[in-house]
């Protein structure tokens, strides 16, 4: 039976006895101050938050996610006045970007201060810094009283979480408390820009699109995006060739391509656009009819989860137009499909 899905979330799992979900920011802040982990909503995706200045707490993040230590973490701050706690030098361009984009989905890689444990940066001299726009994340940062290292709150390499239930489904039993701030508004991770050299380098596309980056940066470079899974320290998270991957094999078609199911295999389709009928698929998730990448991004990871849990043999995904957040969405699709089904 073919089903059409819109922006609804996939079925949520009941939280385990070991992981509780709620809105008690004071409780979450107390856990962080005690060296524990909490799930934290942001406007991009949910993060697994720990005190960024506590090496023992940061080690728990890597352990809970099964994350290799060569993949660095992003540090979240409440305000630009906190930069001096984690950064040794703030160039003039960083101040201009902060004024234009913070709070928001932009991460800047800047020279780290000695207070930041090497584990946070995978031993590299730069640390990724962001000020999130989500009100609950802001409240947690202020009540905890410390910078928070917070990668996506899911097992390493898997689909990023955009609801509290996604966090519990992936990390239930490995995190004590998850703050429920509702579905993430942006739905895709932050753009990462390194200011460690003379020319800005975009390390990861994300919630700030290329058109806006060109306005803000003028000339900039884009880092290679085909890093292999080895023990080399990565300059930013999300740069490995395979990441954001569903368990179900993922195949990609062009934005203007024709969607065709795989003969003899239960096939799902992740798509956008207004085509009225797409025969032969066992399950279809249409992100939006008009193909607006900002609208599609808000439901993107939830849609992948929906299809990944549908008992399919393969997921066919239509790529997006390379404009705005479509660039980040295509990046996630390519990494999710890399190294999978041959």
C-alpha atoms as a PDB file:
ATOM      1  CA  UNK A   1       0.000   0.000   0.000  1.00  0.00           C
ATOM      2  CA  UNK A   2       1.321   3.390  -0.979  1.00  0.00           C
ATOM      3  CA  UNK A   3       1.171   6.069   1.687  1.00  0.00           C
ATOM      4  CA  UNK A   4       1.668   9.810   1.392  1.00  0.00           C
ATOM      5  CA  UNK A   5       3.224  11.650   4.321  1.00  0.00           C
ATOM      6  CA  UNK A   6       3.544  15.368   4.921  1.00  0.00           C
ATOM      7  CA  UNK A   7       5.270  17.131   7.804  1.00  0.00           C
ATOM      8  CA  UNK A   8       4.105  14.730  10.494  1.00  0.00           C
ATOM      9  CA  UNK A   9       6.689  13.209  12.805  1.00  0.00           C
ATOM     10  CA  UNK A  10       7.350   9.449  12.821  1.00  0.00           C
ATOM     11  CA  UNK A  11       5.890   7.417  15.701  1.00  0.00           C
ATOM     12  CA  UNK A  12       7.596   8.249  18.976  1.00  0.00           C
ATOM     13  CA  UNK A  13       8.932   5.674  21.377  1.00  0.00           C
ATOM     14  CA  UNK A  14       8.036   5.715  25.053  1.00  0.00           C
ATOM     15  CA  UNK A  15      11.005   6.995  27.094  1.00  0.00           C
ATOM     16  CA  UNK A  16      12.881   4.325  29.014  1.00  0.00           C
ATOM     17  CA  UNK A  17      13.025   4.305  32.804  1.00  0.00           C
ATOM     18  CA  UNK A  18      16.647   5.403  32.574  1.00  0.00           C
ATOM     19  CA  UNK A  19      16.021   8.428  30.377  1.00  0.00           C
ATOM     20  CA  UNK A  20      13.406  10.971  31.352  1.00  0.00           C
ATOM     21  CA  UNK A  21      11.975  13.686  29.141  1.00  0.00           C
ATOM     22  CA  UNK A  22      10.650  17.023  30.370  1.00  0.00           C
ATOM     23  CA  UNK A  23      10.986  20.785  30.458  1.00  0.00           C
ATOM     24  CA  UNK A  24      12.773  21.232  33.798  1.00  0.00           C
ATOM     25  CA  UNK A  25      15.735  23.370  32.767  1.00  0.00           C
ATOM     26  CA  UNK A  26      16.909  23.699  36.373  1.00  0.00           C
ATOM     27  CA  UNK A  27      17.187  19.928  36.667  1.00  0.00           C
ATOM     28  CA  UNK A  28      19.097  19.701  33.375  1.00  0.00           C
ATOM     29  CA  UNK A  29      21.470  22.465  34.489  1.00  0.00           C
ATOM     30  CA  UNK A  30      22.170  20.613  37.731  1.00  0.00           C
ATOM     31  CA  UNK A  31      23.051  17.445  35.816  1.00  0.00           C
ATOM     32  CA  UNK A  32      25.467  19.402  33.623  1.00  0.00           C
ATOM     33  CA  UNK A  33      27.119  21.074  36.619  1.00  0.00           C
ATOM     34  CA  UNK A  34      27.577  17.634  38.194  1.00  0.00           C
ATOM     35  CA  UNK A  35      29.435  16.387  35.112  1.00  0.00           C
ATOM     36  CA  UNK A  36      26.514  14.567  33.453  1.00  0.00           C
ATOM     37  CA  UNK A  37      24.873  14.605  30.038  1.00  0.00           C
ATOM     38  CA  UNK A  38      21.534  16.027  28.915  1.00  0.00           C
ATOM     39  CA  UNK A  39      19.672  16.196  25.636  1.00  0.00           C
ATOM     40  CA  UNK A  40      19.312  19.839  24.579  1.00  0.00           C
ATOM     41  CA  UNK A  41      17.035  21.296  21.892  1.00  0.00           C
ATOM     42  CA  UNK A  42      18.435  23.863  19.489  1.00  0.00           C
ATOM     43  CA  UNK A  43      17.014  25.423  16.357  1.00  0.00           C
ATOM     44  CA  UNK A  44      19.192  23.101  14.218  1.00  0.00           C
ATOM     45  CA  UNK A  45      19.095  19.609  15.794  1.00  0.00           C
ATOM     46  CA  UNK A  46      19.052  18.235  19.356  1.00  0.00           C
ATOM     47  CA  UNK A  47      22.460  18.190  21.029  1.00  0.00           C
ATOM     48  CA  UNK A  48      24.023  15.918  23.642  1.00  0.00           C
ATOM     49  CA  UNK A  49      25.248  18.573  26.066  1.00  0.00           C
ATOM     50  CA  UNK A  50      28.051  18.472  28.632  1.00  0.00           C
ATOM     51  CA  UNK A  51      30.252  21.026  30.363  1.00  0.00           C
ATOM     52  CA  UNK A  52      32.768  21.890  27.648  1.00  0.00           C
ATOM     53  CA  UNK A  53      35.458  22.798  30.196  1.00  0.00           C
ATOM     54  CA  UNK A  54      35.237  19.452  32.033  1.00  0.00           C
ATOM     55  CA  UNK A  55      37.336  16.830  30.226  1.00  0.00           C
ATOM     56  CA  UNK A  56      35.643  13.992  32.109  1.00  0.00           C
ATOM     57  CA  UNK A  57      32.183  15.164  31.067  1.00  0.00           C
ATOM     58  CA  UNK A  58      33.322  15.607  27.467  1.00  0.00           C
ATOM     59  CA  UNK A  59      34.674  12.044  27.460  1.00  0.00           C
ATOM     60  CA  UNK A  60      31.182  10.836  28.412  1.00  0.00           C
ATOM     61  CA  UNK A  61      29.809  12.490  25.252  1.00  0.00           C
ATOM     62  CA  UNK A  62      32.182  10.512  23.042  1.00  0.00           C
ATOM     63  CA  UNK A  63      31.369   7.301  24.925  1.00  0.00           C
ATOM     64  CA  UNK A  64      27.584   7.764  24.805  1.00  0.00           C
ATOM     65  CA  UNK A  65      27.594   8.441  21.060  1.00  0.00           C
ATOM     66  CA  UNK A  66      30.255   5.904  20.146  1.00  0.00           C
ATOM     67  CA  UNK A  67      32.020   8.858  18.547  1.00  0.00           C
ATOM     68  CA  UNK A  68      35.689   8.620  17.532  1.00  0.00           C
ATOM     69  CA  UNK A  69      37.874  11.149  19.308  1.00  0.00           C
ATOM     70  CA  UNK A  70      39.231  12.490  16.016  1.00  0.00           C
ATOM     71  CA  UNK A  71      35.816  14.093  15.337  1.00  0.00           C
ATOM     72  CA  UNK A  72      35.696  17.420  17.258  1.00  0.00           C
ATOM     73  CA  UNK A  73      32.767  18.935  19.134  1.00  0.00           C
ATOM     74  CA  UNK A  74      31.104  22.332  18.804  1.00  0.00           C
ATOM     75  CA  UNK A  75      30.970  24.507  21.912  1.00  0.00           C
ATOM     76  CA  UNK A  76      27.765  26.450  22.591  1.00  0.00           C
ATOM     77  CA  UNK A  77      27.741  29.786  24.406  1.00  0.00           C
ATOM     78  CA  UNK A  78      24.970  31.922  25.882  1.00  0.00           C
ATOM     79  CA  UNK A  79      26.380  35.254  24.716  1.00  0.00           C
ATOM     80  CA  UNK A  80      29.305  36.804  22.808  1.00  0.00           C
ATOM     81  CA  UNK A  81      30.628  38.030  26.150  1.00  0.00           C
ATOM     82  CA  UNK A  82      31.495  34.382  26.889  1.00  0.00           C
ATOM     83  CA  UNK A  83      33.912  34.121  23.950  1.00  0.00           C
ATOM     84  CA  UNK A  84      36.896  34.969  26.137  1.00  0.00           C
ATOM     85  CA  UNK A  85      36.220  31.807  28.186  1.00  0.00           C
ATOM     86  CA  UNK A  86      36.959  29.519  25.246  1.00  0.00           C
ATOM     87  CA  UNK A  87      38.736  31.549  22.554  1.00  0.00           C
ATOM     88  CA  UNK A  88      42.208  33.134  22.678  1.00  0.00           C
ATOM     89  CA  UNK A  89      41.871  35.471  19.678  1.00  0.00           C
ATOM     90  CA  UNK A  90      38.724  36.947  18.141  1.00  0.00           C
ATOM     91  CA  UNK A  91      39.447  38.502  14.726  1.00  0.00           C
ATOM     92  CA  UNK A  92      37.419  41.471  13.495  1.00  0.00           C
ATOM     93  CA  UNK A  93      35.576  39.304  10.960  1.00  0.00           C
ATOM     94  CA  UNK A  94      34.355  37.059  13.764  1.00  0.00           C
ATOM     95  CA  UNK A  95      32.781  40.020  15.546  1.00  0.00           C
ATOM     96  CA  UNK A  96      31.030  41.069  12.323  1.00  0.00           C
ATOM     97  CA  UNK A  97      29.715  37.557  11.721  1.00  0.00           C
ATOM     98  CA  UNK A  98      28.577  37.284  15.327  1.00  0.00           C
ATOM     99  CA  UNK A  99      26.637  40.512  15.024  1.00  0.00           C
ATOM    100  CA  UNK A 100      24.930  39.327  11.821  1.00  0.00           C
ATOM    101  CA  UNK A 101      24.301  35.650  12.580  1.00  0.00           C
ATOM    102  CA  UNK A 102      24.241  35.015  16.337  1.00  0.00           C
ATOM    103  CA  UNK A 103      22.221  33.642  17.879  1.00  0.00           C
ATOM    104  CA  UNK A 104      21.701  31.311  14.953  1.00  0.00           C
ATOM    105  CA  UNK A 105      22.931  28.342  12.883  1.00  0.00           C
ATOM    106  CA  UNK A 106      26.511  29.484  12.260  1.00  0.00           C
ATOM    107  CA  UNK A 107      29.594  27.937  13.872  1.00  0.00           C
ATOM    108  CA  UNK A 108      32.922  29.767  13.776  1.00  0.00           C
ATOM    109  CA  UNK A 109      36.231  27.948  14.244  1.00  0.00           C
ATOM    110  CA  UNK A 110      38.573  30.232  16.200  1.00  0.00           C
ATOM    111  CA  UNK A 111      41.864  29.781  18.100  1.00  0.00           C
ATOM    112  CA  UNK A 112      41.012  27.971  21.312  1.00  0.00           C
ATOM    113  CA  UNK A 113      41.873  29.100  24.809  1.00  0.00           C
ATOM    114  CA  UNK A 114      43.887  26.879  27.130  1.00  0.00           C
ATOM    115  CA  UNK A 115      40.731  26.322  29.199  1.00  0.00           C
ATOM    116  CA  UNK A 116      39.234  24.130  26.459  1.00  0.00           C
ATOM    117  CA  UNK A 117      40.245  20.454  26.810  1.00  0.00           C
ATOM    118  CA  UNK A 118      42.103  19.059  23.802  1.00  0.00           C
ATOM    119  CA  UNK A 119      39.484  16.307  23.587  1.00  0.00           C
ATOM    120  CA  UNK A 120      36.890  18.891  22.512  1.00  0.00           C
ATOM    121  CA  UNK A 121      38.958  19.923  19.478  1.00  0.00           C
ATOM    122  CA  UNK A 122      40.530  16.526  18.720  1.00  0.00           C
ATOM    123  CA  UNK A 123      43.867  18.100  19.572  1.00  0.00           C
ATOM    124  CA  UNK A 124      43.554  20.822  16.935  1.00  0.00           C
ATOM    125  CA  UNK A 125      44.245  24.493  17.759  1.00  0.00           C
ATOM    126  CA  UNK A 126      40.808  25.730  16.678  1.00  0.00           C
ATOM    127  CA  UNK A 127      37.486  25.328  18.476  1.00  0.00           C
ATOM    128  CA  UNK A 128      34.046  25.546  16.880  1.00  0.00           C
ATOM    129  CA  UNK A 129      31.826  28.112  18.634  1.00  0.00           C
ATOM    130  CA  UNK A 130      28.120  28.821  18.241  1.00  0.00           C
ATOM    131  CA  UNK A 131      25.369  30.721  20.063  1.00  0.00           C
ATOM    132  CA  UNK A 132      22.084  28.828  19.598  1.00  0.00           C
ATOM    133  CA  UNK A 133      18.816  30.655  18.972  1.00  0.00           C
ATOM    134  CA  UNK A 134      16.535  28.207  20.808  1.00  0.00           C
ATOM    135  CA  UNK A 135      15.101  29.787  23.990  1.00  0.00           C
ATOM    136  CA  UNK A 136      15.414  26.585  26.043  1.00  0.00           C
ATOM    137  CA  UNK A 137      19.047  26.116  24.985  1.00  0.00           C
ATOM    138  CA  UNK A 138      19.750  29.703  25.989  1.00  0.00           C
ATOM    139  CA  UNK A 139      18.124  29.145  29.385  1.00  0.00           C
ATOM    140  CA  UNK A 140      20.126  25.963  29.962  1.00  0.00           C
ATOM    141  CA  UNK A 141      23.388  27.699  29.100  1.00  0.00           C
ATOM    142  CA  UNK A 142      22.683  30.516  31.528  1.00  0.00           C
ATOM    143  CA  UNK A 143      21.524  28.277  34.381  1.00  0.00           C
ATOM    144  CA  UNK A 144      24.360  25.775  33.924  1.00  0.00           C
ATOM    145  CA  UNK A 145      26.836  28.654  33.962  1.00  0.00           C
ATOM    146  CA  UNK A 146      29.300  27.020  31.585  1.00  0.00           C
ATOM    147  CA  UNK A 147      29.908  26.562  27.857  1.00  0.00           C
ATOM    148  CA  UNK A 148      28.314  23.389  26.530  1.00  0.00           C
ATOM    149  CA  UNK A 149      29.915  20.906  24.144  1.00  0.00           C
ATOM    150  CA  UNK A 150      26.924  19.519  22.270  1.00  0.00           C
ATOM    151  CA  UNK A 151      27.179  17.328  19.165  1.00  0.00           C
ATOM    152  CA  UNK A 152      23.981  15.855  17.734  1.00  0.00           C
ATOM    153  CA  UNK A 153      22.284  13.618  20.305  1.00  0.00           C
ATOM    154  CA  UNK A 154      22.327  10.360  18.364  1.00  0.00           C
ATOM    155  CA  UNK A 155      24.658   7.395  17.847  1.00  0.00           C
ATOM    156  CA  UNK A 156      27.658   8.426  15.759  1.00  0.00           C
ATOM    157  CA  UNK A 157      27.097   8.478  12.004  1.00  0.00           C
ATOM    158  CA  UNK A 158      23.325   8.028  12.178  1.00  0.00           C
ATOM    159  CA  UNK A 159      20.362  10.266  11.388  1.00  0.00           C
ATOM    160  CA  UNK A 160      20.369  13.464  13.424  1.00  0.00           C
ATOM    161  CA  UNK A 161      17.571  13.971  15.990  1.00  0.00           C
ATOM    162  CA  UNK A 162      15.041  16.784  15.624  1.00  0.00           C
ATOM    163  CA  UNK A 163      12.660  15.828  18.469  1.00  0.00           C
ATOM    164  CA  UNK A 164      13.172  14.718  22.069  1.00  0.00           C
ATOM    165  CA  UNK A 165      11.736  11.305  21.149  1.00  0.00           C
ATOM    166  CA  UNK A 166      14.477  10.864  18.526  1.00  0.00           C
ATOM    167  CA  UNK A 167      17.071  11.382  21.264  1.00  0.00           C
ATOM    168  CA  UNK A 168      15.480   8.740  23.471  1.00  0.00           C
ATOM    169  CA  UNK A 169      15.202   6.314  20.545  1.00  0.00           C
ATOM    170  CA  UNK A 170      18.930   6.600  19.854  1.00  0.00           C
ATOM    171  CA  UNK A 171      20.497   7.217  23.248  1.00  0.00           C
ATOM    172  CA  UNK A 172      17.910   5.958  25.743  1.00  0.00           C
ATOM    173  CA  UNK A 173      19.720   4.751  28.859  1.00  0.00           C
ATOM    174  CA  UNK A 174      22.898   6.676  27.992  1.00  0.00           C
ATOM    175  CA  UNK A 175      21.584  10.139  28.886  1.00  0.00           C
ATOM    176  CA  UNK A 176      19.795  10.907  32.133  1.00  0.00           C
ATOM    177  CA  UNK A 177      17.473  13.686  31.013  1.00  0.00           C
ATOM    178  CA  UNK A 178      16.254  15.165  27.728  1.00  0.00           C
ATOM    179  CA  UNK A 179      14.817  18.649  27.564  1.00  0.00           C
ATOM    180  CA  UNK A 180      11.805  18.690  25.259  1.00  0.00           C
ATOM    181  CA  UNK A 181      11.778  21.921  23.289  1.00  0.00           C
ATOM    182  CA  UNK A 182       9.572  20.652  20.469  1.00  0.00           C
ATOM    183  CA  UNK A 183      10.608  19.944  16.859  1.00  0.00           C
ATOM    184  CA  UNK A 184      13.678  21.838  15.644  1.00  0.00           C
ATOM    185  CA  UNK A 185      12.816  24.880  13.533  1.00  0.00           C
ATOM    186  CA  UNK A 186      15.773  24.784  11.074  1.00  0.00           C
ATOM    187  CA  UNK A 187      16.174  21.004  11.038  1.00  0.00           C
ATOM    188  CA  UNK A 188      19.741  20.774   9.707  1.00  0.00           C
ATOM    189  CA  UNK A 189      23.063  21.377  11.458  1.00  0.00           C
ATOM    190  CA  UNK A 190      24.886  24.700  11.553  1.00  0.00           C
ATOM    191  CA  UNK A 191      27.169  25.988   8.830  1.00  0.00           C
ATOM    192  CA  UNK A 192      30.794  25.748   9.987  1.00  0.00           C
ATOM    193  CA  UNK A 193      33.242  28.456   8.894  1.00  0.00           C
ATOM    194  CA  UNK A 194      36.915  28.393   9.886  1.00  0.00           C
ATOM    195  CA  UNK A 195      38.617  31.725  10.544  1.00  0.00           C
ATOM    196  CA  UNK A 196      41.925  30.083  11.411  1.00  0.00           C
ATOM    197  CA  UNK A 197      43.638  31.311   8.238  1.00  0.00           C
ATOM    198  CA  UNK A 198      43.796  34.421   6.086  1.00  0.00           C
ATOM    199  CA  UNK A 199      40.837  33.324   3.926  1.00  0.00           C
ATOM    200  CA  UNK A 200      37.611  32.019   5.526  1.00  0.00           C
ATOM    201  CA  UNK A 201      36.946  28.344   4.788  1.00  0.00           C
ATOM    202  CA  UNK A 202      33.484  26.767   4.828  1.00  0.00           C
ATOM    203  CA  UNK A 203      34.034  23.355   6.409  1.00  0.00           C
ATOM    204  CA  UNK A 204      30.406  22.206   6.480  1.00  0.00           C
ATOM    205  CA  UNK A 205      27.305  23.579   4.727  1.00  0.00           C
ATOM    206  CA  UNK A 206      24.358  24.091   7.027  1.00  0.00           C
ATOM    207  CA  UNK A 207      21.714  26.455   8.288  1.00  0.00           C
ATOM    208  CA  UNK A 208      23.284  29.580   6.753  1.00  0.00           C
ATOM    209  CA  UNK A 209      23.030  29.197   2.989  1.00  0.00           C
ATOM    210  CA  UNK A 210      25.729  30.017   0.403  1.00  0.00           C
ATOM    211  CA  UNK A 211      24.001  33.165  -0.792  1.00  0.00           C
ATOM    212  CA  UNK A 212      24.075  34.627   2.706  1.00  0.00           C
ATOM    213  CA  UNK A 213      27.682  33.497   3.192  1.00  0.00           C
ATOM    214  CA  UNK A 214      28.714  35.328   0.057  1.00  0.00           C
ATOM    215  CA  UNK A 215      27.098  38.497   1.393  1.00  0.00           C
ATOM    216  CA  UNK A 216      28.869  38.121   4.723  1.00  0.00           C
ATOM    217  CA  UNK A 217      32.274  36.809   3.668  1.00  0.00           C
ATOM    218  CA  UNK A 218      32.830  37.931   0.100  1.00  0.00           C
ATOM    219  CA  UNK A 219      35.637  35.634  -1.023  1.00  0.00           C
ATOM    220  CA  UNK A 220      35.840  32.307   0.783  1.00  0.00           C
ATOM    221  CA  UNK A 221      37.006  28.763   0.133  1.00  0.00           C
ATOM    222  CA  UNK A 222      35.177  25.485   0.567  1.00  0.00           C
ATOM    223  CA  UNK A 223      36.905  22.517   2.178  1.00  0.00           C
ATOM    224  CA  UNK A 224      37.101  19.123   0.510  1.00  0.00           C
ATOM    225  CA  UNK A 225      34.267  16.916   1.688  1.00  0.00           C
ATOM    226  CA  UNK A 226      35.497  13.382   0.999  1.00  0.00           C
ATOM    227  CA  UNK A 227      37.331  12.558   4.218  1.00  0.00           C
ATOM    228  CA  UNK A 228      37.684   8.834   4.872  1.00  0.00           C
ATOM    229  CA  UNK A 229      36.919   7.202   8.203  1.00  0.00           C
ATOM    230  CA  UNK A 230      40.426   7.021   9.615  1.00  0.00           C
ATOM    231  CA  UNK A 231      42.194   8.346  12.697  1.00  0.00           C
ATOM    232  CA  UNK A 232      43.022  11.790  11.277  1.00  0.00           C
ATOM    233  CA  UNK A 233      41.645  14.710  13.270  1.00  0.00           C
ATOM    234  CA  UNK A 234      38.863  16.444  11.352  1.00  0.00           C
ATOM    235  CA  UNK A 235      38.700  20.256  11.342  1.00  0.00           C
ATOM    236  CA  UNK A 236      34.932  20.163  11.946  1.00  0.00           C
ATOM    237  CA  UNK A 237      32.184  17.625  12.625  1.00  0.00           C
ATOM    238  CA  UNK A 238      30.182  16.220   9.718  1.00  0.00           C
ATOM    239  CA  UNK A 239      33.097  16.070   7.257  1.00  0.00           C
ATOM    240  CA  UNK A 240      33.480  12.289   7.001  1.00  0.00           C
ATOM    241  CA  UNK A 241      32.466  10.755   3.688  1.00  0.00           C
ATOM    242  CA  UNK A 242      29.728   8.664   5.359  1.00  0.00           C
ATOM    243  CA  UNK A 243      27.514  10.335   7.945  1.00  0.00           C
ATOM    244  CA  UNK A 244      23.834  11.081   8.679  1.00  0.00           C
ATOM    245  CA  UNK A 245      23.111   7.581   7.378  1.00  0.00           C
ATOM    246  CA  UNK A 246      19.922   5.512   7.712  1.00  0.00           C
ATOM    247  CA  UNK A 247      20.205   1.757   8.241  1.00  0.00           C
ATOM    248  CA  UNK A 248      18.254   1.207   5.019  1.00  0.00           C
ATOM    249  CA  UNK A 249      20.374   1.568   1.851  1.00  0.00           C
ATOM    250  CA  UNK A 250      19.931   5.020   0.339  1.00  0.00           C
ATOM    251  CA  UNK A 251      20.033   5.812  -3.383  1.00  0.00           C
ATOM    252  CA  UNK A 252      19.912   9.317  -4.843  1.00  0.00           C
ATOM    253  CA  UNK A 253      18.282  10.730  -7.961  1.00  0.00           C
ATOM    254  CA  UNK A 254      18.745  14.189  -9.441  1.00  0.00           C
ATOM    255  CA  UNK A 255      16.410  17.028  -8.543  1.00  0.00           C
ATOM    256  CA  UNK A 256      14.822  16.729 -11.989  1.00  0.00           C
ATOM    257  CA  UNK A 257      15.122  12.934 -12.206  1.00  0.00           C
ATOM    258  CA  UNK A 258      12.304  10.405 -12.535  1.00  0.00           C
ATOM    259  CA  UNK A 259      11.592   8.396  -9.379  1.00  0.00           C
ATOM    260  CA  UNK A 260      11.430   4.670 -10.134  1.00  0.00           C
ATOM    261  CA  UNK A 261      11.197   1.912  -7.488  1.00  0.00           C
ATOM    262  CA  UNK A 262      13.733  -0.913  -7.485  1.00  0.00           C
ATOM    263  CA  UNK A 263      12.120  -4.006  -9.086  1.00  0.00           C
ATOM    264  CA  UNK A 264      11.397  -6.783  -6.625  1.00  0.00           C
ATOM    265  CA  UNK A 265      12.390  -4.721  -3.574  1.00  0.00           C
ATOM    266  CA  UNK A 266      10.306  -2.780  -1.070  1.00  0.00           C
ATOM    267  CA  UNK A 267      11.095   0.783  -2.081  1.00  0.00           C
ATOM    268  CA  UNK A 268      10.511   4.041  -0.273  1.00  0.00           C
ATOM    269  CA  UNK A 269      10.728   7.543  -1.705  1.00  0.00           C
ATOM    270  CA  UNK A 270      11.831  10.778  -0.078  1.00  0.00           C
ATOM    271  CA  UNK A 271      10.759  13.581  -2.371  1.00  0.00           C
ATOM    272  CA  UNK A 272       9.439  17.083  -2.785  1.00  0.00           C
ATOM    273  CA  UNK A 273       7.447  18.784  -5.500  1.00  0.00           C
ATOM    274  CA  UNK A 274       3.908  18.633  -6.827  1.00  0.00           C
ATOM    275  CA  UNK A 275       3.872  15.555  -9.080  1.00  0.00           C
ATOM    276  CA  UNK A 276       0.450  14.026  -8.537  1.00  0.00           C
ATOM    277  CA  UNK A 277       1.211  10.317  -8.875  1.00  0.00           C
ATOM    278  CA  UNK A 278       4.342   8.241  -8.347  1.00  0.00           C
ATOM    279  CA  UNK A 279       3.460   4.567  -8.848  1.00  0.00           C
ATOM    280  CA  UNK A 280       5.155   1.505  -7.432  1.00  0.00           C
ATOM    281  CA  UNK A 281       6.583   2.745  -4.143  1.00  0.00           C
ATOM    282  CA  UNK A 282       5.668   1.053  -0.862  1.00  0.00           C
ATOM    283  CA  UNK A 283       6.011   4.292   1.084  1.00  0.00           C
ATOM    284  CA  UNK A 284       6.382   7.923   0.031  1.00  0.00           C
ATOM    285  CA  UNK A 285       7.335  10.889   2.186  1.00  0.00           C
ATOM    286  CA  UNK A 286       6.810  14.208   0.400  1.00  0.00           C
ATOM    287  CA  UNK A 287       8.544  17.001   2.315  1.00  0.00           C
ATOM    288  CA  UNK A 288       6.692  19.851   0.623  1.00  0.00           C
ATOM    289  CA  UNK A 289       4.944  20.511  -2.665  1.00  0.00           C
ATOM    290  CA  UNK A 290       6.761  23.689  -3.685  1.00  0.00           C
ATOM    291  CA  UNK A 291      10.326  22.452  -3.100  1.00  0.00           C
ATOM    292  CA  UNK A 292      11.285  25.320  -0.797  1.00  0.00           C
ATOM    293  CA  UNK A 293      14.519  24.023   0.822  1.00  0.00           C
ATOM    294  CA  UNK A 294      13.884  25.890   4.094  1.00  0.00           C
ATOM    295  CA  UNK A 295      10.508  24.162   4.465  1.00  0.00           C
ATOM    296  CA  UNK A 296      11.963  20.810   3.391  1.00  0.00           C
ATOM    297  CA  UNK A 297      14.841  21.100   5.869  1.00  0.00           C
ATOM    298  CA  UNK A 298      12.530  21.366   8.882  1.00  0.00           C
ATOM    299  CA  UNK A 299      11.160  17.862   8.258  1.00  0.00           C
ATOM    300  CA  UNK A 300      14.141  16.281   6.508  1.00  0.00           C
ATOM    301  CA  UNK A 301      15.705  14.125   9.244  1.00  0.00           C
ATOM    302  CA  UNK A 302      12.277  13.133  10.614  1.00  0.00           C
ATOM    303  CA  UNK A 303      11.308  11.971   7.130  1.00  0.00           C
ATOM    304  CA  UNK A 304      14.471   9.871   6.813  1.00  0.00           C
ATOM    305  CA  UNK A 305      13.653   8.271  10.166  1.00  0.00           C
ATOM    306  CA  UNK A 306      10.093   7.563   9.049  1.00  0.00           C
ATOM    307  CA  UNK A 307      11.300   5.754   5.943  1.00  0.00           C
ATOM    308  CA  UNK A 308      14.117   3.991   7.779  1.00  0.00           C
ATOM    309  CA  UNK A 309      11.624   2.464  10.219  1.00  0.00           C
ATOM    310  CA  UNK A 310       9.163   1.304   7.522  1.00  0.00           C
ATOM    311  CA  UNK A 311      10.718  -2.105   6.782  1.00  0.00           C
ATOM    312  CA  UNK A 312      11.945  -1.096   3.332  1.00  0.00           C
ATOM    313  CA  UNK A 313      14.760  -2.637   1.295  1.00  0.00           C
ATOM    314  CA  UNK A 314      15.872   0.648  -0.228  1.00  0.00           C
ATOM    315  CA  UNK A 315      15.131   4.373   0.031  1.00  0.00           C
ATOM    316  CA  UNK A 316      15.191   6.514  -3.103  1.00  0.00           C
ATOM    317  CA  UNK A 317      15.816  10.198  -2.310  1.00  0.00           C
ATOM    318  CA  UNK A 318      15.334  13.110  -4.663  1.00  0.00           C
ATOM    319  CA  UNK A 319      18.111  15.668  -4.341  1.00  0.00           C
ATOM    320  CA  UNK A 320      17.345  19.349  -3.906  1.00  0.00           C
ATOM    321  CA  UNK A 321      18.006  22.409  -6.009  1.00  0.00           C
ATOM    322  CA  UNK A 322      21.422  23.801  -5.064  1.00  0.00           C
ATOM    323  CA  UNK A 323      20.094  26.987  -3.520  1.00  0.00           C
ATOM    324  CA  UNK A 324      19.769  28.069   0.121  1.00  0.00           C
ATOM    325  CA  UNK A 325      19.513  25.125   2.488  1.00  0.00           C
ATOM    326  CA  UNK A 326      19.301  22.802  -0.510  1.00  0.00           C
ATOM    327  CA  UNK A 327      23.114  22.776  -0.515  1.00  0.00           C
ATOM    328  CA  UNK A 328      23.211  21.472   3.076  1.00  0.00           C
ATOM    329  CA  UNK A 329      20.432  18.954   2.429  1.00  0.00           C
ATOM    330  CA  UNK A 330      22.254  17.516  -0.595  1.00  0.00           C
ATOM    331  CA  UNK A 331      25.419  17.289   1.501  1.00  0.00           C
ATOM    332  CA  UNK A 332      23.532  15.200   4.072  1.00  0.00           C
ATOM    333  CA  UNK A 333      22.028  12.985   1.368  1.00  0.00           C
ATOM    334  CA  UNK A 334      25.385  12.323  -0.291  1.00  0.00           C
ATOM    335  CA  UNK A 335      27.026  11.401   3.003  1.00  0.00           C
ATOM    336  CA  UNK A 336      24.046   9.269   4.008  1.00  0.00           C
ATOM    337  CA  UNK A 337      24.301   7.317   0.752  1.00  0.00           C
ATOM    338  CA  UNK A 338      28.112   7.023   0.672  1.00  0.00           C
ATOM    339  CA  UNK A 339      29.706   3.667   1.322  1.00  0.00           C
ATOM    340  CA  UNK A 340      26.373   1.886   1.598  1.00  0.00           C
ATOM    341  CA  UNK A 341      24.755  -0.408  -0.958  1.00  0.00           C
ATOM    342  CA  UNK A 342      27.012  -1.271  -3.875  1.00  0.00           C
END
